[in-house]
N, C-alpha and C. Protein backbone atom coordinates (compact mmCIF):
# COMPACT_ATOMS: atom_id res chain seq x y z
N MET A 1 -53.35 -47.68 73.49
CA MET A 1 -51.98 -48.06 74.03
C MET A 1 -51.05 -46.83 73.79
N ARG A 2 -50.27 -46.55 74.78
CA ARG A 2 -49.36 -45.43 74.66
C ARG A 2 -48.04 -45.97 73.98
N ALA A 3 -47.66 -45.36 73.00
CA ALA A 3 -46.45 -45.72 72.18
C ALA A 3 -45.31 -45.33 72.94
N LEU A 4 -44.17 -46.04 72.72
CA LEU A 4 -42.84 -45.53 73.30
C LEU A 4 -42.47 -44.30 72.78
N ASP A 5 -42.15 -43.39 73.70
CA ASP A 5 -41.88 -42.10 73.30
C ASP A 5 -40.85 -41.49 74.38
N PRO A 6 -39.86 -40.71 73.91
CA PRO A 6 -38.84 -40.20 74.89
C PRO A 6 -39.42 -39.31 75.95
N GLU A 7 -40.61 -38.69 75.69
CA GLU A 7 -41.26 -37.88 76.74
C GLU A 7 -42.22 -38.70 77.60
N HIS A 8 -42.51 -39.95 77.17
CA HIS A 8 -43.43 -40.78 77.98
C HIS A 8 -42.81 -42.13 78.12
N PRO A 9 -42.26 -42.36 79.28
CA PRO A 9 -41.47 -43.66 79.41
C PRO A 9 -42.51 -44.87 79.21
N ALA A 10 -41.83 -46.02 78.78
CA ALA A 10 -42.63 -47.15 78.47
C ALA A 10 -43.39 -47.64 79.68
N GLU A 11 -44.70 -47.97 79.42
CA GLU A 11 -45.47 -48.62 80.48
C GLU A 11 -45.72 -50.09 80.12
N PRO A 12 -45.58 -50.96 81.07
CA PRO A 12 -45.66 -52.35 80.70
C PRO A 12 -47.15 -52.60 80.13
N ARG A 13 -47.23 -53.44 79.05
CA ARG A 13 -48.50 -53.68 78.46
C ARG A 13 -49.08 -54.91 79.30
N PRO A 14 -50.43 -54.94 79.38
CA PRO A 14 -51.04 -56.03 80.16
C PRO A 14 -50.73 -57.31 79.62
N ASP A 15 -50.34 -57.41 78.38
CA ASP A 15 -49.99 -58.81 77.80
C ASP A 15 -48.55 -58.97 77.64
N ALA A 16 -47.75 -58.22 78.33
CA ALA A 16 -46.36 -58.39 78.37
C ALA A 16 -46.01 -59.80 78.86
N GLY A 17 -45.03 -60.39 78.20
CA GLY A 17 -44.54 -61.80 78.66
C GLY A 17 -45.36 -62.86 77.96
N ARG A 18 -46.46 -62.64 77.26
CA ARG A 18 -47.03 -63.65 76.56
C ARG A 18 -46.36 -64.09 75.28
N PRO A 19 -46.37 -65.28 74.84
CA PRO A 19 -45.58 -65.57 73.62
C PRO A 19 -46.17 -64.75 72.45
N ALA A 20 -45.25 -64.54 71.61
CA ALA A 20 -45.67 -63.71 70.35
C ALA A 20 -46.56 -64.53 69.50
N GLY A 21 -47.47 -63.89 68.79
CA GLY A 21 -48.41 -64.54 67.86
C GLY A 21 -49.69 -65.12 68.60
N THR A 22 -49.87 -64.84 69.84
CA THR A 22 -51.06 -65.36 70.52
C THR A 22 -52.28 -64.54 70.32
N GLY A 23 -52.02 -63.31 69.64
CA GLY A 23 -53.06 -62.42 69.33
C GLY A 23 -53.30 -61.46 70.39
N ALA A 24 -52.99 -61.70 71.63
CA ALA A 24 -53.20 -60.81 72.71
C ALA A 24 -52.07 -59.69 72.73
N ASP A 25 -51.07 -59.92 72.02
CA ASP A 25 -50.00 -58.94 72.06
C ASP A 25 -49.88 -58.13 70.75
N THR A 26 -50.89 -58.11 69.93
CA THR A 26 -50.80 -57.35 68.71
C THR A 26 -51.33 -55.96 68.93
N CYS A 27 -50.90 -55.02 68.08
CA CYS A 27 -51.39 -53.66 68.24
C CYS A 27 -51.57 -53.12 66.77
N PRO A 28 -52.23 -52.03 66.68
CA PRO A 28 -52.45 -51.42 65.34
C PRO A 28 -51.03 -51.29 64.63
N PRO A 29 -51.05 -51.45 63.32
CA PRO A 29 -49.79 -51.22 62.62
C PRO A 29 -49.20 -49.94 62.81
N GLY A 30 -49.86 -48.83 62.96
CA GLY A 30 -49.31 -47.51 63.18
C GLY A 30 -48.62 -47.39 64.55
N ASP A 31 -49.25 -48.01 65.56
CA ASP A 31 -48.58 -47.99 66.98
C ASP A 31 -47.37 -48.85 66.91
N LEU A 32 -47.38 -50.07 66.24
CA LEU A 32 -46.26 -50.85 66.14
C LEU A 32 -45.17 -50.15 65.45
N ALA A 33 -45.44 -49.44 64.37
CA ALA A 33 -44.42 -48.78 63.59
C ALA A 33 -43.79 -47.73 64.53
N ASN A 34 -44.60 -47.03 65.21
CA ASN A 34 -44.00 -45.98 66.07
C ASN A 34 -43.05 -46.64 67.15
N GLU A 35 -43.46 -47.68 67.76
CA GLU A 35 -42.71 -48.43 68.78
C GLU A 35 -41.34 -48.98 68.17
N LEU A 36 -41.43 -49.45 66.98
CA LEU A 36 -40.26 -49.97 66.33
C LEU A 36 -39.36 -48.77 65.94
N ARG A 37 -39.87 -47.75 65.40
CA ARG A 37 -39.06 -46.53 65.08
C ARG A 37 -38.29 -45.95 66.27
N ILE A 38 -39.04 -45.87 67.42
CA ILE A 38 -38.24 -45.40 68.57
C ILE A 38 -37.25 -46.37 69.12
N ALA A 39 -37.60 -47.56 69.09
CA ALA A 39 -36.63 -48.69 69.52
C ALA A 39 -35.41 -48.68 68.65
N VAL A 40 -35.59 -48.54 67.42
CA VAL A 40 -34.37 -48.66 66.45
C VAL A 40 -33.59 -47.36 66.66
N MET A 41 -34.22 -46.18 66.82
CA MET A 41 -33.65 -44.94 67.03
C MET A 41 -32.74 -45.03 68.29
N ARG A 42 -33.37 -45.44 69.40
CA ARG A 42 -32.64 -45.49 70.69
C ARG A 42 -31.45 -46.50 70.62
N THR A 43 -31.68 -47.65 69.99
CA THR A 43 -30.53 -48.61 69.87
C THR A 43 -29.48 -48.09 69.05
N SER A 44 -29.79 -47.48 67.99
CA SER A 44 -28.81 -46.91 67.04
C SER A 44 -28.06 -45.66 67.79
N ARG A 45 -28.67 -44.94 68.53
CA ARG A 45 -28.05 -43.83 69.31
C ARG A 45 -27.17 -44.52 70.22
N ARG A 46 -27.58 -45.54 70.99
CA ARG A 46 -26.76 -46.15 72.11
C ARG A 46 -25.59 -46.88 71.38
N LEU A 47 -25.73 -47.40 70.26
CA LEU A 47 -24.53 -48.06 69.57
C LEU A 47 -23.52 -46.99 69.24
N ARG A 48 -24.06 -45.83 68.67
CA ARG A 48 -23.02 -44.75 68.36
C ARG A 48 -22.33 -44.31 69.62
N ILE A 49 -22.96 -44.18 70.64
CA ILE A 49 -22.30 -43.75 71.86
C ILE A 49 -21.33 -44.74 72.34
N GLU A 50 -21.72 -46.06 72.36
CA GLU A 50 -20.82 -47.12 72.94
C GLU A 50 -19.57 -47.25 72.22
N ALA A 51 -19.42 -46.95 70.90
CA ALA A 51 -18.15 -47.12 70.27
C ALA A 51 -17.55 -45.79 69.72
N SER A 52 -18.06 -44.67 70.15
CA SER A 52 -17.48 -43.49 69.62
C SER A 52 -16.22 -43.19 70.37
N GLY A 53 -16.19 -43.25 71.59
CA GLY A 53 -14.91 -42.96 72.47
C GLY A 53 -14.41 -41.64 72.09
N ASP A 54 -13.17 -41.49 72.25
CA ASP A 54 -12.44 -40.20 72.04
C ASP A 54 -12.04 -40.07 70.56
N ILE A 55 -12.11 -41.21 69.81
CA ILE A 55 -11.56 -41.16 68.43
C ILE A 55 -12.44 -40.76 67.24
N LEU A 56 -13.74 -41.20 67.30
CA LEU A 56 -14.67 -40.94 66.24
C LEU A 56 -15.84 -40.32 66.89
N SER A 57 -16.36 -39.23 66.19
CA SER A 57 -17.71 -38.76 66.54
C SER A 57 -18.69 -39.58 65.75
N PRO A 58 -19.98 -39.58 66.06
CA PRO A 58 -20.85 -40.28 65.18
C PRO A 58 -20.89 -39.89 63.66
N GLY A 59 -20.77 -38.60 63.46
CA GLY A 59 -20.64 -38.14 62.09
C GLY A 59 -19.38 -38.61 61.38
N GLN A 60 -18.21 -38.66 62.11
CA GLN A 60 -16.96 -39.09 61.48
C GLN A 60 -17.10 -40.56 61.15
N TYR A 61 -17.75 -41.36 62.12
CA TYR A 61 -17.94 -42.74 61.86
C TYR A 61 -18.80 -42.99 60.56
N SER A 62 -19.86 -42.14 60.39
CA SER A 62 -20.72 -42.27 59.30
C SER A 62 -20.08 -41.96 58.06
N VAL A 63 -19.17 -40.98 58.09
CA VAL A 63 -18.48 -40.61 56.84
C VAL A 63 -17.50 -41.76 56.42
N LEU A 64 -16.81 -42.31 57.46
CA LEU A 64 -15.89 -43.44 57.20
C LEU A 64 -16.59 -44.52 56.52
N VAL A 65 -17.79 -44.83 57.00
CA VAL A 65 -18.63 -45.92 56.49
C VAL A 65 -18.82 -45.62 55.03
N GLY A 66 -19.11 -44.41 54.61
CA GLY A 66 -19.33 -43.92 53.33
C GLY A 66 -18.12 -44.09 52.43
N LEU A 67 -16.94 -43.79 53.00
CA LEU A 67 -15.69 -43.91 52.23
C LEU A 67 -15.11 -45.39 52.16
N SER A 68 -15.65 -46.23 53.03
CA SER A 68 -15.23 -47.56 52.97
C SER A 68 -15.67 -48.28 51.75
N SER A 69 -16.60 -47.82 51.04
CA SER A 69 -17.00 -48.46 49.74
C SER A 69 -16.38 -47.75 48.49
N GLY A 70 -15.49 -46.71 48.74
CA GLY A 70 -14.82 -46.20 47.68
C GLY A 70 -14.67 -44.73 47.80
N PRO A 71 -13.75 -44.06 46.96
CA PRO A 71 -13.58 -42.64 47.17
C PRO A 71 -14.86 -41.94 46.73
N ARG A 72 -14.99 -40.68 47.43
CA ARG A 72 -16.13 -39.89 47.14
C ARG A 72 -15.71 -38.46 47.22
N THR A 73 -16.50 -37.61 46.48
CA THR A 73 -16.22 -36.11 46.48
C THR A 73 -16.88 -35.66 47.83
N LEU A 74 -16.49 -34.41 48.04
CA LEU A 74 -17.13 -33.66 49.29
C LEU A 74 -18.47 -33.61 49.13
N GLY A 75 -19.06 -33.22 47.90
CA GLY A 75 -20.34 -33.05 47.57
C GLY A 75 -21.19 -34.40 47.75
N GLN A 76 -20.57 -35.50 47.27
CA GLN A 76 -21.16 -36.76 47.33
C GLN A 76 -21.39 -37.12 48.86
N LEU A 77 -20.40 -36.92 49.62
CA LEU A 77 -20.48 -37.18 51.10
C LEU A 77 -21.56 -36.38 51.79
N ALA A 78 -21.44 -35.05 51.46
CA ALA A 78 -22.51 -34.22 52.07
C ALA A 78 -23.96 -34.58 51.71
N ALA A 79 -24.09 -34.99 50.39
CA ALA A 79 -25.47 -35.46 50.04
C ALA A 79 -25.85 -36.77 50.76
N ARG A 80 -24.87 -37.62 50.91
CA ARG A 80 -25.18 -38.92 51.58
C ARG A 80 -25.52 -38.74 52.99
N GLU A 81 -24.87 -37.78 53.59
CA GLU A 81 -25.17 -37.55 55.14
C GLU A 81 -26.25 -36.54 55.38
N GLY A 82 -26.67 -35.87 54.23
CA GLY A 82 -27.66 -34.80 54.52
C GLY A 82 -27.30 -33.60 55.21
N VAL A 83 -26.11 -33.22 54.84
CA VAL A 83 -25.55 -32.00 55.58
C VAL A 83 -25.03 -31.14 54.41
N GLN A 84 -24.72 -29.78 54.81
CA GLN A 84 -24.22 -28.88 53.96
C GLN A 84 -22.72 -29.06 53.84
N ALA A 85 -22.12 -28.54 52.61
CA ALA A 85 -20.79 -28.66 52.34
C ALA A 85 -19.90 -28.17 53.56
N PRO A 86 -20.16 -26.99 54.07
CA PRO A 86 -19.26 -26.46 55.17
C PRO A 86 -19.18 -27.53 56.34
N SER A 87 -20.37 -28.15 56.73
CA SER A 87 -20.26 -29.18 57.80
C SER A 87 -19.44 -30.37 57.47
N MET A 88 -19.63 -30.72 56.12
CA MET A 88 -18.85 -32.03 55.57
C MET A 88 -17.39 -31.64 55.72
N THR A 89 -17.04 -30.40 55.20
CA THR A 89 -15.63 -29.98 55.15
C THR A 89 -15.05 -30.13 56.58
N ARG A 90 -15.70 -29.68 57.61
CA ARG A 90 -15.15 -29.75 59.00
C ARG A 90 -14.92 -31.23 59.45
N ILE A 91 -15.89 -32.16 59.04
CA ILE A 91 -15.90 -33.49 59.44
C ILE A 91 -14.65 -34.23 58.71
N VAL A 92 -14.52 -33.95 57.38
CA VAL A 92 -13.44 -34.47 56.59
C VAL A 92 -12.13 -33.94 57.03
N LYS A 93 -12.00 -32.64 57.43
CA LYS A 93 -10.70 -32.06 58.02
C LYS A 93 -10.39 -32.78 59.25
N ALA A 94 -11.31 -32.96 60.12
CA ALA A 94 -10.97 -33.79 61.31
C ALA A 94 -10.46 -35.19 61.11
N LEU A 95 -11.14 -35.87 60.01
CA LEU A 95 -10.59 -37.17 59.69
C LEU A 95 -9.26 -37.10 59.12
N GLU A 96 -9.04 -36.11 58.33
CA GLU A 96 -7.64 -36.06 57.71
C GLU A 96 -6.60 -35.81 58.74
N ASP A 97 -6.88 -34.88 59.74
CA ASP A 97 -5.98 -34.47 60.92
C ASP A 97 -5.71 -35.74 61.73
N LYS A 98 -6.68 -36.70 61.74
CA LYS A 98 -6.33 -37.89 62.54
C LYS A 98 -5.73 -38.96 61.65
N GLY A 99 -5.51 -38.76 60.38
CA GLY A 99 -4.94 -39.63 59.54
C GLY A 99 -5.92 -40.83 59.11
N LEU A 100 -7.23 -40.52 59.24
CA LEU A 100 -8.19 -41.53 58.91
C LEU A 100 -8.70 -41.48 57.47
N ALA A 101 -8.50 -40.29 56.82
CA ALA A 101 -8.87 -40.15 55.49
C ALA A 101 -7.88 -39.37 54.73
N THR A 102 -7.73 -39.50 53.40
CA THR A 102 -6.85 -38.77 52.54
C THR A 102 -7.49 -38.15 51.49
N ARG A 103 -6.85 -37.09 50.86
CA ARG A 103 -7.50 -36.34 49.83
C ARG A 103 -6.56 -36.50 48.60
N ALA A 104 -7.19 -36.61 47.44
CA ALA A 104 -6.45 -36.53 46.20
C ALA A 104 -7.23 -35.89 45.13
N GLY A 105 -6.54 -35.39 44.08
CA GLY A 105 -7.12 -34.74 43.02
C GLY A 105 -8.14 -35.74 42.21
N HIS A 106 -9.22 -35.04 41.70
CA HIS A 106 -10.20 -35.82 40.97
C HIS A 106 -9.59 -36.00 39.50
N PRO A 107 -9.64 -37.15 38.97
CA PRO A 107 -9.00 -37.49 37.68
C PRO A 107 -9.83 -36.84 36.58
N ASP A 108 -11.04 -36.56 36.68
CA ASP A 108 -11.87 -35.98 35.72
C ASP A 108 -12.30 -34.55 35.87
N ASP A 109 -11.96 -34.00 37.06
CA ASP A 109 -12.46 -32.64 37.32
C ASP A 109 -11.46 -31.98 38.23
N ALA A 110 -10.65 -31.08 37.72
CA ALA A 110 -9.58 -30.47 38.50
C ALA A 110 -10.18 -29.60 39.55
N ARG A 111 -11.36 -29.17 39.52
CA ARG A 111 -11.95 -28.36 40.61
C ARG A 111 -12.35 -29.25 41.83
N GLN A 112 -12.43 -30.54 41.80
CA GLN A 112 -12.83 -31.37 42.78
C GLN A 112 -11.65 -32.25 43.38
N VAL A 113 -11.93 -32.69 44.61
CA VAL A 113 -10.96 -33.57 45.24
C VAL A 113 -11.80 -34.91 45.61
N LEU A 114 -11.02 -36.00 45.52
CA LEU A 114 -11.60 -37.26 46.01
C LEU A 114 -11.08 -37.62 47.37
N LEU A 115 -11.99 -38.04 48.27
CA LEU A 115 -11.56 -38.37 49.59
C LEU A 115 -11.69 -39.88 49.75
N SER A 116 -10.69 -40.49 50.48
CA SER A 116 -10.62 -41.95 50.56
C SER A 116 -10.32 -42.17 52.06
N ILE A 117 -10.70 -43.35 52.45
CA ILE A 117 -10.44 -43.93 53.78
C ILE A 117 -8.98 -44.34 53.73
N SER A 118 -8.20 -44.00 54.67
CA SER A 118 -6.84 -44.44 54.84
C SER A 118 -6.81 -45.94 55.52
N ASP A 119 -5.60 -46.52 55.46
CA ASP A 119 -5.59 -47.75 56.11
C ASP A 119 -5.75 -47.69 57.59
N VAL A 120 -5.33 -46.56 58.25
CA VAL A 120 -5.63 -46.34 59.68
C VAL A 120 -7.08 -46.15 59.87
N GLY A 121 -7.74 -45.46 58.89
CA GLY A 121 -9.19 -45.23 58.99
C GLY A 121 -9.93 -46.41 58.88
N ALA A 122 -9.53 -47.32 58.08
CA ALA A 122 -10.25 -48.57 57.83
C ALA A 122 -10.04 -49.47 59.07
N ALA A 123 -8.93 -49.45 59.70
CA ALA A 123 -8.71 -50.16 60.84
C ALA A 123 -9.51 -49.57 62.07
N THR A 124 -9.65 -48.21 62.17
CA THR A 124 -10.36 -47.55 63.11
C THR A 124 -11.79 -47.95 62.97
N LEU A 125 -12.29 -47.85 61.76
CA LEU A 125 -13.71 -48.25 61.53
C LEU A 125 -14.06 -49.66 61.89
N GLU A 126 -13.16 -50.53 61.61
CA GLU A 126 -13.34 -51.97 61.93
C GLU A 126 -13.39 -52.15 63.45
N ARG A 127 -12.53 -51.37 64.21
CA ARG A 127 -12.55 -51.45 65.65
C ARG A 127 -13.82 -50.97 66.19
N ALA A 128 -14.33 -49.81 65.61
CA ALA A 128 -15.51 -49.24 66.11
C ALA A 128 -16.65 -50.16 65.80
N ARG A 129 -16.71 -50.90 64.72
CA ARG A 129 -17.72 -51.87 64.45
C ARG A 129 -17.74 -53.00 65.35
N ARG A 130 -16.48 -53.53 65.69
CA ARG A 130 -16.39 -54.62 66.63
C ARG A 130 -16.83 -54.20 67.98
N GLU A 131 -16.62 -52.99 68.33
CA GLU A 131 -17.01 -52.45 69.77
C GLU A 131 -18.54 -52.45 69.79
N ARG A 132 -19.09 -51.90 68.70
CA ARG A 132 -20.67 -51.90 68.73
C ARG A 132 -21.27 -53.29 68.72
N THR A 133 -20.63 -54.14 67.92
CA THR A 133 -21.18 -55.50 67.93
C THR A 133 -21.04 -56.16 69.35
N ALA A 134 -19.90 -55.91 69.93
CA ALA A 134 -19.61 -56.58 71.19
C ALA A 134 -20.58 -55.96 72.29
N TRP A 135 -20.79 -54.71 72.21
CA TRP A 135 -21.82 -54.04 73.24
C TRP A 135 -23.22 -54.74 73.09
N LEU A 136 -23.73 -54.74 71.75
CA LEU A 136 -24.95 -55.44 71.45
C LEU A 136 -25.01 -56.90 71.76
N SER A 137 -23.86 -57.56 71.54
CA SER A 137 -23.80 -59.02 71.86
C SER A 137 -23.92 -59.17 73.37
N ARG A 138 -23.38 -58.34 74.17
CA ARG A 138 -23.53 -58.52 75.65
C ARG A 138 -24.89 -58.34 76.00
N ARG A 139 -25.64 -57.40 75.41
CA ARG A 139 -27.00 -57.16 75.79
C ARG A 139 -27.97 -58.34 75.39
N VAL A 140 -27.74 -58.88 74.26
CA VAL A 140 -28.44 -59.96 73.70
C VAL A 140 -28.19 -61.25 74.45
N ASP A 141 -26.88 -61.42 74.95
CA ASP A 141 -26.60 -62.61 75.87
C ASP A 141 -27.26 -62.62 77.15
N GLU A 142 -27.66 -61.37 77.56
CA GLU A 142 -28.34 -61.36 78.87
C GLU A 142 -29.87 -61.80 78.75
N LEU A 143 -30.27 -61.94 77.48
CA LEU A 143 -31.72 -62.24 77.44
C LEU A 143 -32.00 -63.78 77.47
N PRO A 144 -33.29 -64.22 77.77
CA PRO A 144 -33.54 -65.59 77.79
C PRO A 144 -33.58 -65.97 76.35
N ALA A 145 -33.40 -67.32 76.10
CA ALA A 145 -33.38 -67.91 74.65
C ALA A 145 -34.59 -67.46 73.95
N ALA A 146 -35.84 -67.54 74.51
CA ALA A 146 -37.04 -67.18 73.81
C ALA A 146 -36.92 -65.84 73.24
N ASP A 147 -36.42 -64.90 74.03
CA ASP A 147 -36.35 -63.44 73.57
C ASP A 147 -35.22 -63.33 72.42
N ARG A 148 -34.20 -64.10 72.60
CA ARG A 148 -33.16 -64.05 71.52
C ARG A 148 -33.82 -64.50 70.26
N ALA A 149 -34.62 -65.62 70.29
CA ALA A 149 -35.22 -66.12 69.13
C ALA A 149 -36.26 -65.14 68.48
N VAL A 150 -36.91 -64.28 69.25
CA VAL A 150 -37.71 -63.26 68.80
C VAL A 150 -36.87 -62.19 68.17
N LEU A 151 -35.81 -61.75 68.74
CA LEU A 151 -34.88 -60.80 68.01
C LEU A 151 -34.24 -61.32 66.79
N GLU A 152 -33.91 -62.55 66.72
CA GLU A 152 -33.45 -63.19 65.55
C GLU A 152 -34.44 -63.02 64.37
N ARG A 153 -35.68 -63.37 64.63
CA ARG A 153 -36.76 -63.28 63.65
C ARG A 153 -36.96 -61.72 63.31
N ALA A 154 -36.99 -60.94 64.30
CA ALA A 154 -37.21 -59.48 64.03
C ALA A 154 -36.09 -58.96 63.11
N ALA A 155 -34.82 -59.24 63.39
CA ALA A 155 -33.63 -58.80 62.59
C ALA A 155 -33.87 -59.19 61.25
N LYS A 156 -34.40 -60.46 60.89
CA LYS A 156 -34.55 -60.81 59.47
C LYS A 156 -35.72 -60.11 58.80
N LEU A 157 -36.70 -59.84 59.57
CA LEU A 157 -37.75 -59.00 59.04
C LEU A 157 -37.50 -57.59 58.78
N LEU A 158 -36.78 -56.85 59.73
CA LEU A 158 -36.22 -55.61 59.45
C LEU A 158 -35.32 -55.46 58.33
N GLN A 159 -34.43 -56.57 58.21
CA GLN A 159 -33.51 -56.54 56.93
C GLN A 159 -34.28 -56.60 55.76
N GLY A 160 -35.24 -57.46 55.76
CA GLY A 160 -36.12 -57.63 54.59
C GLY A 160 -36.97 -56.27 54.23
N MET A 161 -37.53 -55.66 55.26
CA MET A 161 -38.27 -54.52 55.02
C MET A 161 -37.39 -53.35 54.58
N SER A 162 -36.22 -53.20 54.94
CA SER A 162 -35.30 -52.11 54.58
C SER A 162 -34.69 -52.36 53.31
N ALA A 163 -34.76 -53.68 52.77
CA ALA A 163 -34.18 -53.94 51.46
C ALA A 163 -35.24 -53.61 50.26
N ARG A 164 -36.50 -53.45 50.73
CA ARG A 164 -37.53 -53.02 49.62
C ARG A 164 -37.44 -51.60 49.27
């Protein structure tokens, strides 16, 4: 079975459309893992695009998500995002310029600053989340009830897998 791959468009499987769990639609775990990885990546990428607009880049969105749970240092944000400090400095500067994040002195270390999400940043983040959810909701609404039930079960399974 050819796994879904950006270089190789998906080909319909001979058992497509059969109810899940019939045995005819199973594939080796490695193939399924690859298909899931690609599907999650593509969906995630599409969600980032759908709600970024002119206000937030995907990187800025991700940093705002990080700041939404509390103040962070530049180093903490860079480590969370897996980027170098100069890249994070550019992202944070753009957020500050837009009024979405604020900077304050660190109470325990005068050499550091703490970055926080501003009220405008929190509202912008919430709007972006709503836009992403609305886009996905429209896609899900287009599906037949049986497919929505499969996605509901898949969502629960994926959440459980990622919690381990």
